[in-house]
């Protein structure tokens, strides 16, 4: 800006830039009407300010055009003053409204990606920009990958997990692959909701399928429990398991009629414990553990459903042990 100039265009501060959009995708053009010369162009930087330009003619008409990926977002007439002044220009919702117009194709890489899971295909579908804006405001989200749950909340995830959800061939673990297949089948029953004991039904199918022709049932039980019966962060298949977890959490709401993913963990852990310890897990031990959850913020309804999952898993693990180790089971039952 030269000191020899007598007048100045307004500087422009861009506010309410959508949280999903990097400033680098926003560019602008300053057009001086009836003036010889090329328009001035530039890109937004982290300050999100388009600087004032010094000019000689107070009566020149100046137009600012703001673009995203060369698609016009806003056209603004700038005033001329003898001192530098700044005006604010809001891009709130403008980007999403412009990008959904039929003739526009906005393909910029989002800073914030929020997906929903299609019930029939079990694929992760990126929400449209207006929905992302709305959820970002509600949840104070700025950057990252998330999946919207049926409960209305969101779960943080990663691009790697989204890729595995949408490309199951990238999941090499046979147990998780089959779990995804079973969940997809359960999603397409046409009955609308899910069974209250969906977690039990899914896990029983997984156990039965892999135990059917196994020559080493103990190893199969241990492998399934090590994946589905532990904290996800502790599972040795964490990266692949997250795909199954996120689809389950996105489709099965955590309610009294459709328990959340933690019931899979309760059921599977209890089944493995009963199978491997050759002794019945006592209700006293279960109540002690559940009381801890209750004291630390769990609800009574959660506690009751956790105990139900524990008991169902325990009974199932006992049946499996009796099936594959009938002699030992008979001796155990005599003690």
C-alpha atoms as a PDB file:
ATOM      1  CA  UNK A   1       0.000   0.000   0.000  1.00  0.00           C
ATOM      2  CA  UNK A   2       1.639   3.270  -1.117  1.00  0.00           C
ATOM      3  CA  UNK A   3       1.561   6.415   1.071  1.00  0.00           C
ATOM      4  CA  UNK A   4       1.036   8.484  -2.086  1.00  0.00           C
ATOM      5  CA  UNK A   5      -2.488   7.142  -2.427  1.00  0.00           C
ATOM      6  CA  UNK A   6      -5.224   9.417  -1.127  1.00  0.00           C
ATOM      7  CA  UNK A   7      -8.038   6.905  -0.786  1.00  0.00           C
ATOM      8  CA  UNK A   8      -8.475   3.306   0.291  1.00  0.00           C
ATOM      9  CA  UNK A   9     -10.763   0.427  -0.431  1.00  0.00           C
ATOM     10  CA  UNK A  10     -12.320  -1.224   2.587  1.00  0.00           C
ATOM     11  CA  UNK A  11     -10.345  -4.061   4.065  1.00  0.00           C
ATOM     12  CA  UNK A  12     -12.469  -7.185   4.478  1.00  0.00           C
ATOM     13  CA  UNK A  13     -12.407  -9.576   7.408  1.00  0.00           C
ATOM     14  CA  UNK A  14     -13.989 -12.935   6.519  1.00  0.00           C
ATOM     15  CA  UNK A  15     -15.930 -14.291   9.509  1.00  0.00           C
ATOM     16  CA  UNK A  16     -17.991 -17.435  10.082  1.00  0.00           C
ATOM     17  CA  UNK A  17     -15.856 -19.452   7.707  1.00  0.00           C
ATOM     18  CA  UNK A  18     -17.284 -22.996   7.901  1.00  0.00           C
ATOM     19  CA  UNK A  19     -15.242 -25.160  10.257  1.00  0.00           C
ATOM     20  CA  UNK A  20     -14.758 -27.861   7.623  1.00  0.00           C
ATOM     21  CA  UNK A  21     -13.069 -25.506   5.155  1.00  0.00           C
ATOM     22  CA  UNK A  22      -9.367 -24.605   4.991  1.00  0.00           C
ATOM     23  CA  UNK A  23      -8.667 -20.940   4.221  1.00  0.00           C
ATOM     24  CA  UNK A  24      -6.390 -22.093   1.394  1.00  0.00           C
ATOM     25  CA  UNK A  25      -9.442 -23.157  -0.623  1.00  0.00           C
ATOM     26  CA  UNK A  26     -10.866 -19.615  -0.570  1.00  0.00           C
ATOM     27  CA  UNK A  27      -9.578 -17.104  -3.090  1.00  0.00           C
ATOM     28  CA  UNK A  28     -10.711 -13.638  -4.114  1.00  0.00           C
ATOM     29  CA  UNK A  29     -10.601 -11.066  -6.912  1.00  0.00           C
ATOM     30  CA  UNK A  30     -10.739  -7.260  -6.666  1.00  0.00           C
ATOM     31  CA  UNK A  31     -12.138  -5.634  -9.807  1.00  0.00           C
ATOM     32  CA  UNK A  32     -11.754  -1.877 -10.352  1.00  0.00           C
ATOM     33  CA  UNK A  33     -14.511  -0.928 -12.771  1.00  0.00           C
ATOM     34  CA  UNK A  34     -13.658   1.294 -15.740  1.00  0.00           C
ATOM     35  CA  UNK A  35      -9.976   1.075 -14.862  1.00  0.00           C
ATOM     36  CA  UNK A  36      -7.165  -0.156 -17.073  1.00  0.00           C
ATOM     37  CA  UNK A  37      -5.242  -3.113 -15.717  1.00  0.00           C
ATOM     38  CA  UNK A  38      -5.757  -6.625 -14.448  1.00  0.00           C
ATOM     39  CA  UNK A  39      -7.889  -7.405 -11.403  1.00  0.00           C
ATOM     40  CA  UNK A  40      -6.030  -8.068  -8.156  1.00  0.00           C
ATOM     41  CA  UNK A  41      -6.241 -11.673  -6.965  1.00  0.00           C
ATOM     42  CA  UNK A  42      -5.214 -13.523  -3.858  1.00  0.00           C
ATOM     43  CA  UNK A  43      -5.938 -16.311  -1.388  1.00  0.00           C
ATOM     44  CA  UNK A  44      -7.082 -16.140   2.182  1.00  0.00           C
ATOM     45  CA  UNK A  45      -4.442 -16.790   4.793  1.00  0.00           C
ATOM     46  CA  UNK A  46      -4.830 -17.639   8.458  1.00  0.00           C
ATOM     47  CA  UNK A  47      -5.734 -14.022   9.269  1.00  0.00           C
ATOM     48  CA  UNK A  48      -8.726 -14.295   6.904  1.00  0.00           C
ATOM     49  CA  UNK A  49      -8.310 -10.634   6.012  1.00  0.00           C
ATOM     50  CA  UNK A  50      -8.320  -9.142   2.511  1.00  0.00           C
ATOM     51  CA  UNK A  51      -6.172  -6.014   2.836  1.00  0.00           C
ATOM     52  CA  UNK A  52      -7.128  -2.481   1.904  1.00  0.00           C
ATOM     53  CA  UNK A  53      -5.807  -1.157  -1.429  1.00  0.00           C
ATOM     54  CA  UNK A  54      -4.655   2.424  -1.890  1.00  0.00           C
ATOM     55  CA  UNK A  55      -6.177   4.231  -4.905  1.00  0.00           C
ATOM     56  CA  UNK A  56      -6.236   7.747  -6.373  1.00  0.00           C
ATOM     57  CA  UNK A  57      -9.865   8.020  -7.450  1.00  0.00           C
ATOM     58  CA  UNK A  58     -12.553   8.255  -4.764  1.00  0.00           C
ATOM     59  CA  UNK A  59     -15.308   7.593  -7.283  1.00  0.00           C
ATOM     60  CA  UNK A  60     -14.064   4.335  -8.757  1.00  0.00           C
ATOM     61  CA  UNK A  61     -16.362   1.346  -8.276  1.00  0.00           C
ATOM     62  CA  UNK A  62     -14.644  -1.613  -6.611  1.00  0.00           C
ATOM     63  CA  UNK A  63     -16.116  -5.112  -6.556  1.00  0.00           C
ATOM     64  CA  UNK A  64     -14.813  -7.948  -4.400  1.00  0.00           C
ATOM     65  CA  UNK A  65     -15.643 -11.479  -5.532  1.00  0.00           C
ATOM     66  CA  UNK A  66     -14.969 -14.362  -3.111  1.00  0.00           C
ATOM     67  CA  UNK A  67     -14.585 -17.885  -4.515  1.00  0.00           C
ATOM     68  CA  UNK A  68     -14.148 -21.425  -3.289  1.00  0.00           C
ATOM     69  CA  UNK A  69     -12.292 -23.535  -5.874  1.00  0.00           C
ATOM     70  CA  UNK A  70     -13.111 -20.872  -8.475  1.00  0.00           C
ATOM     71  CA  UNK A  71     -16.838 -21.164  -7.763  1.00  0.00           C
ATOM     72  CA  UNK A  72     -18.288 -17.774  -6.890  1.00  0.00           C
ATOM     73  CA  UNK A  73     -19.554 -17.486  -3.321  1.00  0.00           C
ATOM     74  CA  UNK A  74     -20.171 -13.772  -2.867  1.00  0.00           C
ATOM     75  CA  UNK A  75     -19.941 -10.527  -4.796  1.00  0.00           C
ATOM     76  CA  UNK A  76     -19.529  -7.415  -2.644  1.00  0.00           C
ATOM     77  CA  UNK A  77     -19.324  -3.708  -3.492  1.00  0.00           C
ATOM     78  CA  UNK A  78     -16.543  -2.063  -1.488  1.00  0.00           C
ATOM     79  CA  UNK A  79     -16.743   1.502  -0.312  1.00  0.00           C
ATOM     80  CA  UNK A  80     -13.895   4.025  -0.676  1.00  0.00           C
ATOM     81  CA  UNK A  81     -12.639   6.092   2.266  1.00  0.00           C
ATOM     82  CA  UNK A  82      -9.815   8.499   2.968  1.00  0.00           C
ATOM     83  CA  UNK A  83      -8.809   6.321   5.919  1.00  0.00           C
ATOM     84  CA  UNK A  84      -8.530   2.536   6.197  1.00  0.00           C
ATOM     85  CA  UNK A  85     -11.705   0.874   7.429  1.00  0.00           C
ATOM     86  CA  UNK A  86     -12.559  -2.809   7.782  1.00  0.00           C
ATOM     87  CA  UNK A  87     -15.871  -4.519   7.139  1.00  0.00           C
ATOM     88  CA  UNK A  88     -16.843  -8.057   8.089  1.00  0.00           C
ATOM     89  CA  UNK A  89     -18.199 -10.488   5.517  1.00  0.00           C
ATOM     90  CA  UNK A  90     -19.837 -13.681   6.741  1.00  0.00           C
ATOM     91  CA  UNK A  91     -19.552 -16.899   4.774  1.00  0.00           C
ATOM     92  CA  UNK A  92     -21.814 -18.788   7.171  1.00  0.00           C
ATOM     93  CA  UNK A  93     -23.781 -21.395   5.182  1.00  0.00           C
ATOM     94  CA  UNK A  94     -22.785 -19.693   1.927  1.00  0.00           C
ATOM     95  CA  UNK A  95     -20.317 -22.427   1.041  1.00  0.00           C
ATOM     96  CA  UNK A  96     -22.722 -25.308   1.612  1.00  0.00           C
ATOM     97  CA  UNK A  97     -25.563 -23.542  -0.202  1.00  0.00           C
ATOM     98  CA  UNK A  98     -23.342 -22.808  -3.198  1.00  0.00           C
ATOM     99  CA  UNK A  99     -21.808 -26.272  -3.365  1.00  0.00           C
ATOM    100  CA  UNK A 100     -25.146 -28.070  -3.496  1.00  0.00           C
ATOM    101  CA  UNK A 101     -26.305 -26.107  -6.517  1.00  0.00           C
ATOM    102  CA  UNK A 102     -26.550 -28.481  -9.457  1.00  0.00           C
ATOM    103  CA  UNK A 103     -24.012 -26.806 -11.723  1.00  0.00           C
ATOM    104  CA  UNK A 104     -21.327 -26.584  -9.020  1.00  0.00           C
ATOM    105  CA  UNK A 105     -18.857 -29.269  -8.037  1.00  0.00           C
ATOM    106  CA  UNK A 106     -16.946 -28.541  -4.852  1.00  0.00           C
ATOM    107  CA  UNK A 107     -14.255 -31.149  -4.301  1.00  0.00           C
ATOM    108  CA  UNK A 108     -12.062 -29.527  -1.687  1.00  0.00           C
ATOM    109  CA  UNK A 109     -10.613 -31.692   1.053  1.00  0.00           C
ATOM    110  CA  UNK A 110     -12.592 -31.164   4.248  1.00  0.00           C
ATOM    111  CA  UNK A 111     -10.990 -30.427   7.589  1.00  0.00           C
ATOM    112  CA  UNK A 112     -14.045 -31.932   9.282  1.00  0.00           C
ATOM    113  CA  UNK A 113     -15.642 -35.120   7.939  1.00  0.00           C
ATOM    114  CA  UNK A 114     -18.825 -36.489   9.522  1.00  0.00           C
ATOM    115  CA  UNK A 115     -20.390 -39.681   8.185  1.00  0.00           C
ATOM    116  CA  UNK A 116     -23.607 -41.570   8.634  1.00  0.00           C
ATOM    117  CA  UNK A 117     -23.865 -45.326   8.073  1.00  0.00           C
ATOM    118  CA  UNK A 118     -26.397 -46.607   5.554  1.00  0.00           C
ATOM    119  CA  UNK A 119     -28.461 -49.370   7.165  1.00  0.00           C
ATOM    120  CA  UNK A 120     -28.793 -51.487   4.032  1.00  0.00           C
ATOM    121  CA  UNK A 121     -25.240 -51.267   2.692  1.00  0.00           C
ATOM    122  CA  UNK A 122     -23.439 -50.609   5.995  1.00  0.00           C
ATOM    123  CA  UNK A 123     -21.349 -48.070   4.075  1.00  0.00           C
ATOM    124  CA  UNK A 124     -20.141 -44.809   5.587  1.00  0.00           C
ATOM    125  CA  UNK A 125     -21.741 -41.884   3.727  1.00  0.00           C
ATOM    126  CA  UNK A 126     -20.320 -38.373   4.079  1.00  0.00           C
ATOM    127  CA  UNK A 127     -22.972 -35.955   5.329  1.00  0.00           C
ATOM    128  CA  UNK A 128     -23.712 -32.916   3.213  1.00  0.00           C
ATOM    129  CA  UNK A 129     -22.026 -29.684   4.151  1.00  0.00           C
ATOM    130  CA  UNK A 130     -25.049 -28.080   5.786  1.00  0.00           C
ATOM    131  CA  UNK A 131     -25.413 -31.074   8.151  1.00  0.00           C
ATOM    132  CA  UNK A 132     -21.708 -30.952   8.940  1.00  0.00           C
ATOM    133  CA  UNK A 133     -22.019 -27.258   9.784  1.00  0.00           C
ATOM    134  CA  UNK A 134     -24.962 -27.944  12.082  1.00  0.00           C
ATOM    135  CA  UNK A 135     -23.306 -30.814  13.975  1.00  0.00           C
ATOM    136  CA  UNK A 136     -19.999 -28.939  14.178  1.00  0.00           C
ATOM    137  CA  UNK A 137     -21.746 -26.062  15.916  1.00  0.00           C
ATOM    138  CA  UNK A 138     -23.664 -28.337  18.284  1.00  0.00           C
ATOM    139  CA  UNK A 139     -20.598 -30.406  19.218  1.00  0.00           C
ATOM    140  CA  UNK A 140     -17.920 -27.733  18.873  1.00  0.00           C
ATOM    141  CA  UNK A 141     -16.024 -29.799  16.306  1.00  0.00           C
ATOM    142  CA  UNK A 142     -13.312 -28.264  14.173  1.00  0.00           C
ATOM    143  CA  UNK A 143     -11.280 -30.992  12.508  1.00  0.00           C
ATOM    144  CA  UNK A 144     -11.114 -34.766  12.119  1.00  0.00           C
ATOM    145  CA  UNK A 145     -13.250 -37.766  11.150  1.00  0.00           C
ATOM    146  CA  UNK A 146     -16.481 -38.685  12.947  1.00  0.00           C
ATOM    147  CA  UNK A 147     -19.405 -41.070  12.568  1.00  0.00           C
ATOM    148  CA  UNK A 148     -22.899 -40.044  13.560  1.00  0.00           C
ATOM    149  CA  UNK A 149     -24.571 -42.545  15.896  1.00  0.00           C
ATOM    150  CA  UNK A 150     -28.255 -43.457  15.928  1.00  0.00           C
ATOM    151  CA  UNK A 151     -28.460 -41.836  19.369  1.00  0.00           C
ATOM    152  CA  UNK A 152     -27.604 -38.483  17.772  1.00  0.00           C
ATOM    153  CA  UNK A 153     -24.091 -38.331  19.177  1.00  0.00           C
ATOM    154  CA  UNK A 154     -20.860 -38.701  17.226  1.00  0.00           C
ATOM    155  CA  UNK A 155     -17.900 -41.068  17.568  1.00  0.00           C
ATOM    156  CA  UNK A 156     -14.397 -39.953  16.649  1.00  0.00           C
ATOM    157  CA  UNK A 157     -12.788 -42.178  14.041  1.00  0.00           C
ATOM    158  CA  UNK A 158     -10.087 -41.988  11.360  1.00  0.00           C
ATOM    159  CA  UNK A 159      -9.740 -41.969   7.594  1.00  0.00           C
ATOM    160  CA  UNK A 160      -8.195 -45.443   7.846  1.00  0.00           C
ATOM    161  CA  UNK A 161     -11.284 -46.806   9.590  1.00  0.00           C
ATOM    162  CA  UNK A 162     -13.648 -45.127   7.113  1.00  0.00           C
ATOM    163  CA  UNK A 163     -11.674 -46.744   4.286  1.00  0.00           C
ATOM    164  CA  UNK A 164     -12.061 -50.160   5.919  1.00  0.00           C
ATOM    165  CA  UNK A 165     -15.789 -49.661   6.456  1.00  0.00           C
ATOM    166  CA  UNK A 166     -16.253 -48.835   2.790  1.00  0.00           C
ATOM    167  CA  UNK A 167     -13.738 -51.415   1.554  1.00  0.00           C
ATOM    168  CA  UNK A 168     -14.179 -54.534   3.722  1.00  0.00           C
ATOM    169  CA  UNK A 169     -11.609 -56.326   1.569  1.00  0.00           C
ATOM    170  CA  UNK A 170      -9.008 -54.334   3.511  1.00  0.00           C
ATOM    171  CA  UNK A 171     -10.043 -56.192   6.676  1.00  0.00           C
ATOM    172  CA  UNK A 172      -8.035 -59.400   6.836  1.00  0.00           C
ATOM    173  CA  UNK A 173      -9.237 -60.796  10.157  1.00  0.00           C
ATOM    174  CA  UNK A 174     -11.723 -63.589   9.445  1.00  0.00           C
ATOM    175  CA  UNK A 175     -13.694 -63.085  12.661  1.00  0.00           C
ATOM    176  CA  UNK A 176     -14.245 -59.376  12.080  1.00  0.00           C
ATOM    177  CA  UNK A 177     -15.109 -59.974   8.446  1.00  0.00           C
ATOM    178  CA  UNK A 178     -17.759 -62.474   9.439  1.00  0.00           C
ATOM    179  CA  UNK A 179     -19.043 -60.158  12.180  1.00  0.00           C
ATOM    180  CA  UNK A 180     -19.522 -57.444   9.539  1.00  0.00           C
ATOM    181  CA  UNK A 181     -21.385 -59.896   7.329  1.00  0.00           C
ATOM    182  CA  UNK A 182     -23.687 -60.941  10.191  1.00  0.00           C
ATOM    183  CA  UNK A 183     -24.393 -57.329  11.146  1.00  0.00           C
ATOM    184  CA  UNK A 184     -25.210 -56.452   7.546  1.00  0.00           C
ATOM    185  CA  UNK A 185     -27.629 -59.389   7.366  1.00  0.00           C
ATOM    186  CA  UNK A 186     -29.255 -58.278  10.607  1.00  0.00           C
ATOM    187  CA  UNK A 187     -29.566 -54.761   9.175  1.00  0.00           C
ATOM    188  CA  UNK A 188     -31.471 -56.048   6.157  1.00  0.00           C
ATOM    189  CA  UNK A 189     -34.164 -58.141   7.838  1.00  0.00           C
ATOM    190  CA  UNK A 190     -36.808 -55.592   6.889  1.00  0.00           C
ATOM    191  CA  UNK A 191     -38.112 -55.522  10.446  1.00  0.00           C
ATOM    192  CA  UNK A 192     -37.028 -51.955  11.093  1.00  0.00           C
ATOM    193  CA  UNK A 193     -35.310 -52.108  14.465  1.00  0.00           C
ATOM    194  CA  UNK A 194     -32.956 -54.623  16.004  1.00  0.00           C
ATOM    195  CA  UNK A 195     -33.618 -57.354  18.526  1.00  0.00           C
ATOM    196  CA  UNK A 196     -33.010 -56.364  22.119  1.00  0.00           C
ATOM    197  CA  UNK A 197     -30.484 -59.214  22.259  1.00  0.00           C
ATOM    198  CA  UNK A 198     -28.814 -58.355  18.951  1.00  0.00           C
ATOM    199  CA  UNK A 199     -25.408 -58.505  20.670  1.00  0.00           C
ATOM    200  CA  UNK A 200     -26.013 -62.090  21.812  1.00  0.00           C
ATOM    201  CA  UNK A 201     -27.401 -63.203  18.447  1.00  0.00           C
ATOM    202  CA  UNK A 202     -24.421 -61.777  16.565  1.00  0.00           C
ATOM    203  CA  UNK A 203     -21.825 -63.302  18.855  1.00  0.00           C
ATOM    204  CA  UNK A 204     -23.511 -66.717  18.933  1.00  0.00           C
ATOM    205  CA  UNK A 205     -23.447 -66.778  15.119  1.00  0.00           C
ATOM    206  CA  UNK A 206     -19.734 -65.953  15.130  1.00  0.00           C
ATOM    207  CA  UNK A 207     -18.891 -68.613  17.724  1.00  0.00           C
ATOM    208  CA  UNK A 208     -21.023 -71.274  16.026  1.00  0.00           C
ATOM    209  CA  UNK A 209     -19.708 -70.571  12.529  1.00  0.00           C
ATOM    210  CA  UNK A 210     -16.041 -70.910  13.453  1.00  0.00           C
ATOM    211  CA  UNK A 211     -16.509 -73.726  15.967  1.00  0.00           C
ATOM    212  CA  UNK A 212     -18.541 -75.833  13.538  1.00  0.00           C
ATOM    213  CA  UNK A 213     -15.618 -77.643  11.896  1.00  0.00           C
ATOM    214  CA  UNK A 214     -12.801 -76.652  14.226  1.00  0.00           C
ATOM    215  CA  UNK A 215     -10.358 -79.227  15.514  1.00  0.00           C
ATOM    216  CA  UNK A 216      -9.197 -76.825  18.217  1.00  0.00           C
ATOM    217  CA  UNK A 217     -12.289 -75.203  19.777  1.00  0.00           C
ATOM    218  CA  UNK A 218     -10.304 -73.808  22.712  1.00  0.00           C
ATOM    219  CA  UNK A 219      -8.162 -71.690  20.386  1.00  0.00           C
ATOM    220  CA  UNK A 220     -11.233 -70.457  18.484  1.00  0.00           C
ATOM    221  CA  UNK A 221     -12.923 -69.354  21.711  1.00  0.00           C
ATOM    222  CA  UNK A 222      -9.747 -67.621  22.890  1.00  0.00           C
ATOM    223  CA  UNK A 223      -9.316 -65.785  19.589  1.00  0.00           C
ATOM    224  CA  UNK A 224     -12.908 -64.547  19.486  1.00  0.00           C
ATOM    225  CA  UNK A 225     -12.773 -63.417  23.117  1.00  0.00           C
ATOM    226  CA  UNK A 226      -9.453 -61.621  22.578  1.00  0.00           C
ATOM    227  CA  UNK A 227     -11.087 -59.538  19.821  1.00  0.00           C
ATOM    228  CA  UNK A 228     -14.669 -58.932  20.948  1.00  0.00           C
ATOM    229  CA  UNK A 229     -14.453 -59.502  24.698  1.00  0.00           C
ATOM    230  CA  UNK A 230     -11.932 -56.823  25.595  1.00  0.00           C
ATOM    231  CA  UNK A 231     -11.701 -53.059  25.619  1.00  0.00           C
ATOM    232  CA  UNK A 232     -11.264 -52.025  21.988  1.00  0.00           C
ATOM    233  CA  UNK A 233      -8.068 -50.175  22.834  1.00  0.00           C
ATOM    234  CA  UNK A 234      -6.642 -53.442  24.219  1.00  0.00           C
ATOM    235  CA  UNK A 235      -7.713 -55.669  21.325  1.00  0.00           C
ATOM    236  CA  UNK A 236      -4.821 -56.832  19.185  1.00  0.00           C
ATOM    237  CA  UNK A 237      -7.076 -56.238  16.153  1.00  0.00           C
ATOM    238  CA  UNK A 238      -8.029 -52.698  17.220  1.00  0.00           C
ATOM    239  CA  UNK A 239      -7.545 -51.100  13.794  1.00  0.00           C
ATOM    240  CA  UNK A 240      -9.881 -53.537  12.031  1.00  0.00           C
ATOM    241  CA  UNK A 241     -12.280 -53.963  14.950  1.00  0.00           C
ATOM    242  CA  UNK A 242     -13.082 -50.244  14.894  1.00  0.00           C
ATOM    243  CA  UNK A 243     -14.862 -50.703  11.553  1.00  0.00           C
ATOM    244  CA  UNK A 244     -17.281 -53.200  13.118  1.00  0.00           C
ATOM    245  CA  UNK A 245     -17.630 -51.109  16.279  1.00  0.00           C
ATOM    246  CA  UNK A 246     -18.488 -47.907  14.419  1.00  0.00           C
ATOM    247  CA  UNK A 247     -21.072 -49.571  12.177  1.00  0.00           C
ATOM    248  CA  UNK A 248     -22.700 -51.213  15.201  1.00  0.00           C
ATOM    249  CA  UNK A 249     -22.764 -47.959  17.183  1.00  0.00           C
ATOM    250  CA  UNK A 250     -24.091 -46.041  14.169  1.00  0.00           C
ATOM    251  CA  UNK A 251     -26.969 -48.458  13.537  1.00  0.00           C
ATOM    252  CA  UNK A 252     -27.896 -49.872  16.945  1.00  0.00           C
ATOM    253  CA  UNK A 253     -29.006 -47.130  19.334  1.00  0.00           C
ATOM    254  CA  UNK A 254     -27.984 -47.533  22.965  1.00  0.00           C
ATOM    255  CA  UNK A 255     -31.439 -47.851  24.519  1.00  0.00           C
ATOM    256  CA  UNK A 256     -33.214 -50.281  26.820  1.00  0.00           C
ATOM    257  CA  UNK A 257     -34.431 -52.192  23.759  1.00  0.00           C
ATOM    258  CA  UNK A 258     -31.204 -52.158  21.732  1.00  0.00           C
ATOM    259  CA  UNK A 259     -28.145 -52.251  23.996  1.00  0.00           C
ATOM    260  CA  UNK A 260     -24.912 -50.638  22.851  1.00  0.00           C
ATOM    261  CA  UNK A 261     -21.631 -52.214  21.818  1.00  0.00           C
ATOM    262  CA  UNK A 262     -20.455 -52.695  25.403  1.00  0.00           C
ATOM    263  CA  UNK A 263     -22.956 -55.554  25.708  1.00  0.00           C
ATOM    264  CA  UNK A 264     -21.010 -57.438  23.043  1.00  0.00           C
ATOM    265  CA  UNK A 265     -17.958 -57.061  25.266  1.00  0.00           C
ATOM    266  CA  UNK A 266     -19.820 -58.180  28.403  1.00  0.00           C
ATOM    267  CA  UNK A 267     -21.362 -61.209  26.672  1.00  0.00           C
ATOM    268  CA  UNK A 268     -18.161 -62.331  24.957  1.00  0.00           C
ATOM    269  CA  UNK A 269     -15.899 -61.827  27.956  1.00  0.00           C
ATOM    270  CA  UNK A 270     -18.286 -63.763  30.217  1.00  0.00           C
ATOM    271  CA  UNK A 271     -18.617 -66.581  27.673  1.00  0.00           C
ATOM    272  CA  UNK A 272     -14.834 -66.910  27.488  1.00  0.00           C
ATOM    273  CA  UNK A 273     -14.442 -66.688  31.250  1.00  0.00           C
ATOM    274  CA  UNK A 274     -16.992 -69.431  31.821  1.00  0.00           C
ATOM    275  CA  UNK A 275     -15.490 -71.617  29.095  1.00  0.00           C
ATOM    276  CA  UNK A 276     -11.906 -71.280  30.291  1.00  0.00           C
ATOM    277  CA  UNK A 277     -12.039 -71.176  34.069  1.00  0.00           C
ATOM    278  CA  UNK A 278     -14.074 -74.369  34.479  1.00  0.00           C
ATOM    279  CA  UNK A 279     -16.083 -72.639  37.144  1.00  0.00           C
ATOM    280  CA  UNK A 280     -19.251 -70.589  37.204  1.00  0.00           C
ATOM    281  CA  UNK A 281     -18.763 -66.859  37.576  1.00  0.00           C
ATOM    282  CA  UNK A 282     -20.584 -65.969  40.745  1.00  0.00           C
ATOM    283  CA  UNK A 283     -23.329 -63.403  40.789  1.00  0.00           C
ATOM    284  CA  UNK A 284     -21.479 -61.779  43.703  1.00  0.00           C
ATOM    285  CA  UNK A 285     -18.483 -61.076  41.487  1.00  0.00           C
ATOM    286  CA  UNK A 286     -20.741 -59.658  38.780  1.00  0.00           C
ATOM    287  CA  UNK A 287     -22.585 -57.392  41.180  1.00  0.00           C
ATOM    288  CA  UNK A 288     -19.291 -56.130  42.619  1.00  0.00           C
ATOM    289  CA  UNK A 289     -18.033 -55.164  39.173  1.00  0.00           C
ATOM    290  CA  UNK A 290     -21.333 -53.609  38.140  1.00  0.00           C
ATOM    291  CA  UNK A 291     -21.559 -51.681  41.393  1.00  0.00           C
ATOM    292  CA  UNK A 292     -18.228 -50.101  40.524  1.00  0.00           C
ATOM    293  CA  UNK A 293     -19.656 -48.954  37.181  1.00  0.00           C
ATOM    294  CA  UNK A 294     -22.737 -47.616  38.924  1.00  0.00           C
ATOM    295  CA  UNK A 295     -20.754 -45.648  41.491  1.00  0.00           C
ATOM    296  CA  UNK A 296     -18.630 -44.144  38.738  1.00  0.00           C
ATOM    297  CA  UNK A 297     -21.481 -42.724  36.724  1.00  0.00           C
ATOM    298  CA  UNK A 298     -23.290 -45.666  35.178  1.00  0.00           C
ATOM    299  CA  UNK A 299     -27.087 -45.844  35.358  1.00  0.00           C
ATOM    300  CA  UNK A 300     -29.118 -48.562  37.062  1.00  0.00           C
ATOM    301  CA  UNK A 301     -30.563 -49.528  33.684  1.00  0.00           C
ATOM    302  CA  UNK A 302     -27.020 -49.952  32.320  1.00  0.00           C
ATOM    303  CA  UNK A 303     -26.128 -52.073  35.321  1.00  0.00           C
ATOM    304  CA  UNK A 304     -29.110 -54.366  34.865  1.00  0.00           C
ATOM    305  CA  UNK A 305     -28.456 -54.830  31.144  1.00  0.00           C
ATOM    306  CA  UNK A 306     -24.740 -55.405  31.758  1.00  0.00           C
ATOM    307  CA  UNK A 307     -25.561 -58.139  34.260  1.00  0.00           C
ATOM    308  CA  UNK A 308     -28.003 -59.676  31.808  1.00  0.00           C
ATOM    309  CA  UNK A 309     -25.286 -59.739  29.136  1.00  0.00           C
ATOM    310  CA  UNK A 310     -22.861 -61.255  31.646  1.00  0.00           C
ATOM    311  CA  UNK A 311     -25.337 -63.961  32.609  1.00  0.00           C
ATOM    312  CA  UNK A 312     -26.220 -64.785  28.996  1.00  0.00           C
ATOM    313  CA  UNK A 313     -22.532 -65.003  28.108  1.00  0.00           C
ATOM    314  CA  UNK A 314     -21.792 -67.152  31.132  1.00  0.00           C
ATOM    315  CA  UNK A 315     -24.580 -69.588  30.268  1.00  0.00           C
ATOM    316  CA  UNK A 316     -23.478 -69.760  26.653  1.00  0.00           C
ATOM    317  CA  UNK A 317     -19.831 -70.347  27.570  1.00  0.00           C
ATOM    318  CA  UNK A 318     -20.901 -73.173  29.867  1.00  0.00           C
ATOM    319  CA  UNK A 319     -22.900 -74.800  27.058  1.00  0.00           C
ATOM    320  CA  UNK A 320     -19.921 -74.556  24.725  1.00  0.00           C
ATOM    321  CA  UNK A 321     -17.642 -76.142  27.297  1.00  0.00           C
ATOM    322  CA  UNK A 322     -20.113 -78.985  27.870  1.00  0.00           C
ATOM    323  CA  UNK A 323     -20.341 -79.540  24.108  1.00  0.00           C
ATOM    324  CA  UNK A 324     -16.608 -79.701  23.426  1.00  0.00           C
ATOM    325  CA  UNK A 325     -15.437 -81.109  26.782  1.00  0.00           C
ATOM    326  CA  UNK A 326     -18.320 -83.338  27.927  1.00  0.00           C
ATOM    327  CA  UNK A 327     -16.250 -85.509  30.271  1.00  0.00           C
ATOM    328  CA  UNK A 328     -14.553 -82.611  32.018  1.00  0.00           C
ATOM    329  CA  UNK A 329     -17.864 -80.773  32.208  1.00  0.00           C
ATOM    330  CA  UNK A 330     -19.501 -83.740  33.870  1.00  0.00           C
ATOM    331  CA  UNK A 331     -16.714 -83.867  36.458  1.00  0.00           C
ATOM    332  CA  UNK A 332     -17.011 -80.140  37.030  1.00  0.00           C
ATOM    333  CA  UNK A 333     -20.750 -80.379  37.550  1.00  0.00           C
ATOM    334  CA  UNK A 334     -20.231 -83.106  40.137  1.00  0.00           C
ATOM    335  CA  UNK A 335     -17.964 -80.907  42.255  1.00  0.00           C
END
